[in-house]
Protein backbone atom coordinates (compact mmCIF):
# COMPACT_ATOMS: atom_id res chain seq x y z
CA MET A 1 32.48 -11.23 15.10
CA LEU A 2 29.36 -9.24 16.10
CA CYS A 3 27.29 -9.85 12.90
CA GLU A 4 28.29 -13.43 12.13
CA GLY A 5 25.10 -15.21 10.64
CA LYS A 6 23.15 -11.99 10.09
CA VAL A 7 21.83 -10.43 6.99
CA ALA A 8 22.10 -6.59 6.98
CA ILE A 9 20.10 -4.56 4.57
CA VAL A 10 21.66 -1.17 4.25
CA THR A 11 19.71 1.47 2.26
CA GLY A 12 21.60 4.38 0.84
CA GLY A 13 24.52 1.74 0.84
CA GLY A 14 26.04 2.82 -2.50
CA ARG A 15 27.81 5.90 -1.13
CA GLY A 16 28.66 8.06 1.82
CA LEU A 17 27.78 6.83 5.41
CA GLY A 18 25.67 3.98 3.92
CA ALA A 19 28.76 2.55 2.19
CA GLY A 20 30.62 2.94 5.36
CA TYR A 21 28.02 1.10 7.24
CA CYS A 22 28.17 -1.66 4.55
CA ARG A 23 32.08 -2.10 5.02
CA ALA A 24 31.77 -2.15 8.90
CA LEU A 25 29.01 -4.71 8.89
CA ALA A 26 30.88 -6.97 6.39
CA ALA A 27 33.95 -6.69 8.48
CA GLU A 28 31.92 -7.87 11.42
CA GLY A 29 30.67 -11.07 9.59
CA ALA A 30 27.34 -9.84 8.17
CA SER A 31 26.08 -10.72 4.70
CA VAL A 32 25.25 -7.29 3.27
CA VAL A 33 22.66 -6.25 0.84
CA VAL A 34 23.70 -2.97 -0.66
CA ALA A 35 20.44 -1.19 -1.41
CA ASP A 36 20.72 2.20 -3.30
CA ILE A 37 18.77 4.18 -5.98
CA THR A 38 22.22 4.48 -7.97
CA GLU A 39 22.85 0.96 -9.16
CA ASP A 40 26.51 1.77 -10.16
CA GLY A 41 27.40 2.73 -6.52
CA ALA A 42 25.54 -0.34 -4.90
CA ARG A 43 27.39 -2.56 -7.36
CA GLU A 44 30.72 -1.04 -6.61
CA VAL A 45 30.38 -1.26 -2.73
CA ALA A 46 28.89 -4.77 -2.98
CA GLY A 47 31.88 -5.98 -5.25
CA GLU A 48 34.35 -4.61 -2.75
CA ILE A 49 32.84 -6.32 0.33
CA GLY A 50 31.43 -9.43 -1.29
CA GLY A 51 27.79 -8.33 -0.80
CA LEU A 52 24.62 -8.23 -2.85
CA ALA A 53 23.74 -4.92 -4.94
CA VAL A 54 20.16 -4.10 -5.31
CA LYS A 55 18.80 -1.05 -6.97
CA VAL A 56 15.83 0.35 -5.32
CA PHE A 57 13.17 2.69 -6.67
CA LYS A 58 11.40 5.49 -4.72
CA ARG A 59 7.87 4.67 -3.82
CA GLU A 60 5.37 5.21 -1.06
CA GLU A 61 4.72 2.22 1.25
CA THR A 62 1.61 1.67 3.21
CA GLY A 63 1.43 0.43 6.83
CA ASP A 64 0.34 -2.86 5.41
CA ASP A 65 3.25 -3.26 3.17
CA LEU A 66 5.69 -2.71 6.13
CA VAL A 67 4.29 -5.01 8.58
CA GLY A 68 6.06 -8.19 7.42
CA THR A 69 9.34 -6.33 6.60
CA MET A 70 9.30 -4.91 10.20
CA LEU A 71 8.38 -8.11 11.87
CA TYR A 72 11.55 -9.73 10.08
CA LEU A 73 13.74 -6.88 10.91
CA CYS A 74 12.88 -7.02 14.60
CA SER A 75 13.70 -10.77 14.71
CA ASP A 76 17.02 -12.29 15.69
CA LEU A 77 17.67 -13.17 12.00
CA SER A 78 18.22 -9.61 10.69
CA ALA A 79 19.94 -6.14 11.05
CA PHE A 80 18.90 -3.06 9.32
CA VAL A 81 20.83 0.11 8.65
CA THR A 82 19.62 3.04 6.69
CA GLY A 83 21.99 5.63 5.23
CA GLN A 84 18.84 7.53 4.44
CA SER A 85 15.87 8.79 6.39
CA ILE A 86 12.89 6.51 7.09
CA ASN A 87 9.65 8.19 7.05
CA VAL A 88 7.17 6.47 9.47
CA ASP A 89 3.47 7.14 10.11
CA GLY A 90 2.64 9.76 7.45
CA GLY A 91 5.76 11.83 7.72
CA SER A 92 7.51 11.46 10.99
CA THR A 93 11.20 11.08 10.14
CA MET A 94 13.87 8.95 12.03
CA HIS A 95 17.53 9.47 11.14
């Protein structure tokens, strides 16, 4: 399995492509955190795959808030998938 021993955090994981990413990552052995602004969707997908559902709230992050998160996500201990856009450096968008 490609993701055995990894924790994958999937934003937008409660529906659509994000939910598909959650299912695929779980099938490859990842422990999946299903993060979504719709709690019901996150709980449904997490229940289906044996993952953890997390309700997230929209808020603006500062560069300092993201440093620790990015260091973790770039380590060998993690995987990160977003079913939503990521706004970086004041508005640049990565899909």
